N, C-alpha and C. Protein backbone atom coordinates (compact mmCIF):
# COMPACT_ATOMS: atom_id res chain seq x y z
N MET A 1 17.90 5.82 3.54
CA MET A 1 16.82 6.00 2.62
C MET A 1 17.37 6.06 1.22
N ALA A 2 18.54 6.26 1.03
CA ALA A 2 18.98 6.22 -0.62
C ALA A 2 19.12 4.82 -0.89
N PHE A 3 19.20 4.14 -0.14
CA PHE A 3 19.37 2.40 -0.57
C PHE A 3 17.90 2.12 -1.01
N TRP A 4 16.71 2.58 -0.40
CA TRP A 4 15.52 1.97 -0.71
C TRP A 4 14.95 2.86 -1.98
N LEU A 5 15.24 3.71 -2.11
CA LEU A 5 15.03 4.73 -3.21
C LEU A 5 15.55 3.92 -4.49
N GLY A 6 16.88 3.60 -4.37
CA GLY A 6 17.55 2.82 -5.64
C GLY A 6 17.15 1.69 -5.45
N ASN A 7 16.71 0.87 -4.46
CA ASN A 7 16.11 -0.60 -4.48
C ASN A 7 14.87 -0.28 -5.35
N ILE A 8 13.89 0.38 -5.18
CA ILE A 8 12.59 0.67 -5.57
C ILE A 8 12.85 0.80 -7.16
N ALA A 9 13.53 1.76 -7.44
CA ALA A 9 13.71 2.17 -9.06
C ALA A 9 14.34 0.86 -9.74
N THR A 10 15.15 -0.02 -9.10
CA THR A 10 15.85 -1.03 -9.77
C THR A 10 15.03 -2.33 -10.07
N ALA A 11 13.90 -2.24 -8.69
CA ALA A 11 13.00 -3.39 -8.90
C ALA A 11 11.78 -2.89 -9.86
N VAL A 12 11.58 -1.65 -10.20
CA VAL A 12 10.59 -1.38 -11.27
C VAL A 12 11.31 -1.50 -12.69
N ILE A 13 12.69 -1.30 -12.62
CA ILE A 13 13.30 -1.51 -14.00
C ILE A 13 13.31 -3.10 -14.23
N PHE A 14 13.64 -3.79 -13.11
CA PHE A 14 13.56 -5.29 -13.23
C PHE A 14 12.22 -5.97 -13.64
N ALA A 15 11.13 -5.26 -13.21
CA ALA A 15 9.86 -5.71 -13.59
C ALA A 15 9.59 -5.46 -15.17
N LEU A 16 10.04 -4.09 -15.28
CA LEU A 16 9.73 -3.63 -16.72
C LEU A 16 10.45 -4.54 -17.68
N ALA A 17 11.66 -5.00 -17.39
CA ALA A 17 12.60 -5.71 -18.05
C ALA A 17 11.95 -7.24 -18.65
N HIS A 18 10.85 -7.63 -17.72
CA HIS A 18 10.27 -9.21 -17.99
C HIS A 18 9.15 -8.94 -18.80
N LEU A 19 8.68 -7.63 -19.02
CA LEU A 19 7.57 -7.52 -19.78
C LEU A 19 7.66 -8.34 -21.20
N PRO A 20 8.64 -8.03 -21.99
CA PRO A 20 8.89 -8.88 -23.26
C PRO A 20 8.49 -10.13 -23.21
N ALA A 21 8.77 -10.96 -22.05
CA ALA A 21 8.57 -12.15 -21.96
C ALA A 21 6.88 -12.62 -21.85
N ILE A 22 6.27 -11.77 -21.35
CA ILE A 22 4.75 -11.63 -21.09
C ILE A 22 4.09 -11.59 -22.49
N PHE A 23 4.52 -10.77 -23.35
CA PHE A 23 4.22 -10.44 -24.54
C PHE A 23 4.49 -11.78 -25.60
N GLN A 24 5.46 -12.67 -25.31
CA GLN A 24 5.86 -13.67 -26.23
C GLN A 24 5.07 -14.94 -25.93
N MET A 25 4.04 -14.95 -24.72
CA MET A 25 3.36 -16.00 -24.40
C MET A 25 2.21 -16.08 -25.17
N LYS A 26 1.97 -17.42 -25.64
CA LYS A 26 0.57 -17.64 -26.22
C LYS A 26 -0.56 -17.21 -25.59
N ILE A 27 -0.79 -16.03 -24.68
CA ILE A 27 -1.83 -15.89 -24.09
C ILE A 27 -2.46 -14.52 -24.29
N LYS A 28 -3.79 -14.12 -23.81
CA LYS A 28 -4.29 -13.02 -24.00
C LYS A 28 -3.56 -12.24 -22.91
N VAL A 29 -2.97 -11.08 -23.31
CA VAL A 29 -2.51 -10.28 -22.19
C VAL A 29 -3.21 -9.08 -21.70
N THR A 30 -3.74 -9.28 -20.59
CA THR A 30 -4.59 -8.38 -20.22
C THR A 30 -4.07 -7.50 -19.01
N ASN A 31 -4.78 -6.53 -18.66
CA ASN A 31 -4.46 -5.51 -17.43
C ASN A 31 -4.19 -6.34 -16.37
N THR A 32 -5.07 -7.03 -16.02
CA THR A 32 -4.63 -7.96 -14.58
C THR A 32 -3.62 -8.94 -14.60
N ILE A 33 -3.15 -9.37 -16.01
CA ILE A 33 -1.95 -9.87 -15.96
C ILE A 33 -0.93 -9.06 -15.96
N LEU A 34 -0.92 -8.01 -16.49
CA LEU A 34 0.24 -7.01 -16.57
C LEU A 34 0.47 -6.67 -14.95
N ILE A 35 -0.59 -6.18 -14.28
CA ILE A 35 -0.53 -5.80 -13.11
C ILE A 35 0.18 -6.85 -11.95
N TYR A 36 -0.29 -8.14 -12.29
CA TYR A 36 0.13 -9.25 -11.51
C TYR A 36 1.55 -9.44 -11.66
N SER A 37 1.82 -9.66 -13.00
CA SER A 37 3.16 -9.91 -13.52
C SER A 37 4.27 -8.88 -12.76
N ASN A 38 3.86 -7.53 -13.18
CA ASN A 38 4.86 -6.48 -12.60
C ASN A 38 4.74 -6.40 -11.02
N SER A 39 3.93 -6.62 -10.36
CA SER A 39 3.89 -6.49 -8.83
C SER A 39 4.67 -7.73 -8.38
N MET A 40 4.54 -8.82 -8.88
CA MET A 40 5.52 -9.90 -8.51
C MET A 40 7.13 -9.85 -8.79
N ASN A 41 7.00 -9.35 -9.84
CA ASN A 41 8.43 -9.03 -10.25
C ASN A 41 9.17 -7.81 -9.41
N ILE A 42 8.19 -6.95 -8.92
CA ILE A 42 9.01 -5.81 -8.38
C ILE A 42 9.05 -6.43 -6.72
N MET A 43 8.25 -7.22 -6.29
CA MET A 43 8.74 -8.02 -4.83
C MET A 43 10.00 -8.51 -5.05
N VAL A 44 10.06 -9.49 -6.11
CA VAL A 44 11.30 -10.29 -6.26
C VAL A 44 12.50 -9.41 -6.50
N GLY A 45 12.32 -8.28 -7.09
CA GLY A 45 13.44 -7.19 -7.45
C GLY A 45 13.81 -6.61 -5.85
N LEU A 46 12.85 -6.37 -4.97
CA LEU A 46 13.07 -5.69 -3.92
C LEU A 46 13.88 -6.68 -3.05
N CYS A 47 13.28 -7.76 -3.01
CA CYS A 47 13.90 -9.10 -2.33
C CYS A 47 15.13 -9.16 -2.57
N CYS A 48 15.69 -9.38 -3.84
CA CYS A 48 16.99 -9.60 -4.61
C CYS A 48 17.83 -8.37 -4.25
N GLY A 49 17.41 -7.20 -4.40
CA GLY A 49 18.12 -6.07 -4.19
C GLY A 49 18.68 -5.78 -2.51
N TRP A 50 17.50 -6.31 -1.91
CA TRP A 50 17.96 -6.04 -0.47
C TRP A 50 18.99 -7.31 -0.14
N LEU A 51 18.92 -8.43 -0.63
CA LEU A 51 20.01 -9.76 -0.59
C LEU A 51 21.23 -9.19 -1.19
N TYR A 52 21.14 -8.54 -2.15
CA TYR A 52 22.32 -8.22 -2.85
C TYR A 52 23.29 -7.14 -1.89
N TRP A 53 22.25 -6.09 -1.27
CA TRP A 53 23.12 -5.21 -0.22
C TRP A 53 23.49 -5.73 0.83
N THR A 54 22.85 -6.69 1.54
CA THR A 54 23.16 -7.15 2.75
C THR A 54 24.02 -8.67 2.40
N GLN A 55 23.97 -9.22 1.61
CA GLN A 55 24.64 -10.65 1.55
C GLN A 55 25.33 -10.93 0.60
N GLY A 56 25.35 -10.08 -0.69
CA GLY A 56 26.10 -10.05 -1.82
C GLY A 56 25.49 -10.84 -2.88
N PHE A 57 26.14 -10.70 -4.06
CA PHE A 57 25.65 -10.94 -5.40
C PHE A 57 25.16 -12.24 -5.45
N ALA A 58 25.87 -13.51 -4.92
CA ALA A 58 25.48 -14.87 -4.96
C ALA A 58 24.02 -15.10 -4.17
N ALA A 59 23.93 -14.40 -3.25
CA ALA A 59 22.60 -14.40 -2.33
C ALA A 59 21.54 -14.10 -3.49
N ALA A 60 21.45 -12.92 -4.10
CA ALA A 60 20.61 -12.15 -4.88
C ALA A 60 20.26 -13.33 -6.06
N VAL A 61 21.10 -13.78 -6.95
CA VAL A 61 21.31 -14.66 -7.69
C VAL A 61 20.38 -15.98 -7.34
N LEU A 62 20.85 -16.58 -6.03
CA LEU A 62 20.18 -17.83 -5.72
C LEU A 62 18.75 -17.48 -5.31
N CYS A 63 18.33 -16.27 -4.83
CA CYS A 63 16.98 -15.93 -4.65
C CYS A 63 16.10 -15.80 -6.05
N HIS A 64 16.48 -15.32 -7.09
CA HIS A 64 16.19 -15.45 -8.35
C HIS A 64 16.03 -16.71 -8.82
N ILE A 65 16.72 -17.55 -8.78
CA ILE A 65 16.93 -18.80 -9.18
C ILE A 65 15.88 -19.69 -8.53
N LEU A 66 15.51 -19.60 -7.37
CA LEU A 66 14.75 -20.22 -6.41
C LEU A 66 13.19 -19.76 -6.58
N PHE A 67 13.04 -18.53 -6.96
CA PHE A 67 11.67 -17.90 -6.97
C PHE A 67 11.31 -18.77 -8.34
N HIS A 68 12.33 -18.93 -9.37
CA HIS A 68 11.70 -19.32 -10.75
C HIS A 68 11.44 -20.90 -10.44
N LEU A 69 12.07 -21.69 -9.75
CA LEU A 69 12.10 -22.78 -9.40
C LEU A 69 10.62 -23.19 -8.78
N VAL A 70 10.36 -22.35 -7.68
CA VAL A 70 9.13 -22.21 -6.97
C VAL A 70 7.82 -22.08 -7.97
N TRP A 71 8.07 -20.91 -8.61
CA TRP A 71 7.09 -20.64 -9.52
C TRP A 71 6.73 -21.67 -10.71
N TYR A 72 7.65 -22.64 -10.95
CA TYR A 72 7.48 -23.60 -12.04
C TYR A 72 6.83 -24.61 -11.43
N VAL A 73 7.05 -24.99 -10.07
CA VAL A 73 6.25 -25.99 -9.52
C VAL A 73 4.83 -25.44 -9.31
N PHE A 74 4.71 -24.47 -9.07
CA PHE A 74 3.33 -23.80 -8.72
C PHE A 74 2.61 -23.62 -10.04
N GLU A 75 3.24 -23.41 -11.17
CA GLU A 75 2.50 -23.33 -12.36
C GLU A 75 2.11 -24.92 -12.86
N LYS A 76 3.00 -25.80 -12.34
CA LYS A 76 2.61 -27.26 -12.87
C LYS A 76 1.62 -27.47 -12.08
N ARG A 77 1.33 -27.40 -10.81
CA ARG A 77 0.48 -27.75 -9.91
C ARG A 77 -1.01 -27.10 -10.45
N ASN A 78 -0.97 -26.12 -10.93
CA ASN A 78 -2.42 -25.47 -11.42
C ASN A 78 -2.48 -25.68 -12.76
N LYS A 79 -1.94 -26.60 -13.39
CA LYS A 79 -2.29 -26.90 -14.83
C LYS A 79 -3.58 -27.18 -15.27
N ALA A 80 -4.42 -27.33 -14.25
CA ALA A 80 -5.96 -27.83 -14.80
C ALA A 80 -6.47 -26.57 -14.81
N THR A 81 -6.40 -25.47 -14.15
CA THR A 81 -6.98 -24.16 -14.44
C THR A 81 -6.24 -23.30 -15.38
N GLY A 82 -5.16 -23.65 -15.98
CA GLY A 82 -4.13 -23.00 -16.54
C GLY A 82 -3.05 -22.11 -15.98
N PRO A 83 -2.06 -22.27 -16.35
CA PRO A 83 -0.80 -21.66 -15.52
C PRO A 83 -1.01 -20.21 -15.38
N TYR A 84 -1.49 -19.51 -16.44
CA TYR A 84 -1.62 -18.22 -16.33
C TYR A 84 -3.16 -17.51 -16.06
N THR A 85 -4.23 -18.36 -15.37
CA THR A 85 -5.24 -17.97 -14.97
C THR A 85 -5.00 -17.34 -13.63
N ILE A 86 -5.54 -16.30 -13.48
CA ILE A 86 -5.39 -15.50 -12.18
C ILE A 86 -6.89 -15.20 -11.73
N HIS A 87 -7.04 -15.86 -10.45
CA HIS A 87 -8.21 -15.60 -9.84
C HIS A 87 -8.36 -14.23 -8.73
N LEU A 88 -8.93 -13.37 -8.89
CA LEU A 88 -8.59 -12.21 -7.88
C LEU A 88 -9.92 -12.25 -7.07
N SER A 89 -10.97 -12.72 -7.43
CA SER A 89 -12.25 -12.80 -6.48
C SER A 89 -13.07 -14.09 -6.78
N GLU A 90 -13.79 -14.21 -5.71
CA GLU A 90 -14.57 -15.44 -5.54
C GLU A 90 -15.90 -15.51 -6.52
N ASP A 91 -16.03 -14.87 -7.68
CA ASP A 91 -17.18 -14.70 -8.41
C ASP A 91 -17.80 -16.11 -8.94
C-alpha cells in the first residue's frame, strides 16, 4: 500500500513538472488540454514508477523514452487536424 501511495504522489508531481512545457507551446491552453495532459502524464508516471520498483531505473527511463517516441509519431500522423486538437465527443 505504501508503494502505491508514493507512486501516485510521484506521478502527480511528474505531471505537474510537465506543465511549463504546455504553456510554452504556441497554442491556447484550455482546461481540456490541461486535464488531458495531466492525466496522460499521471498514467505514464504510474507506469514508470511501477517499472522502476519492479525492474529498475533503466526500465523506467526506457518507458519514458518510448512514450515520447510513440507520441511523436501519433502527433505527426494527426497533423491534418492539428497535433494538439483533442476530440472528446463526436459533436
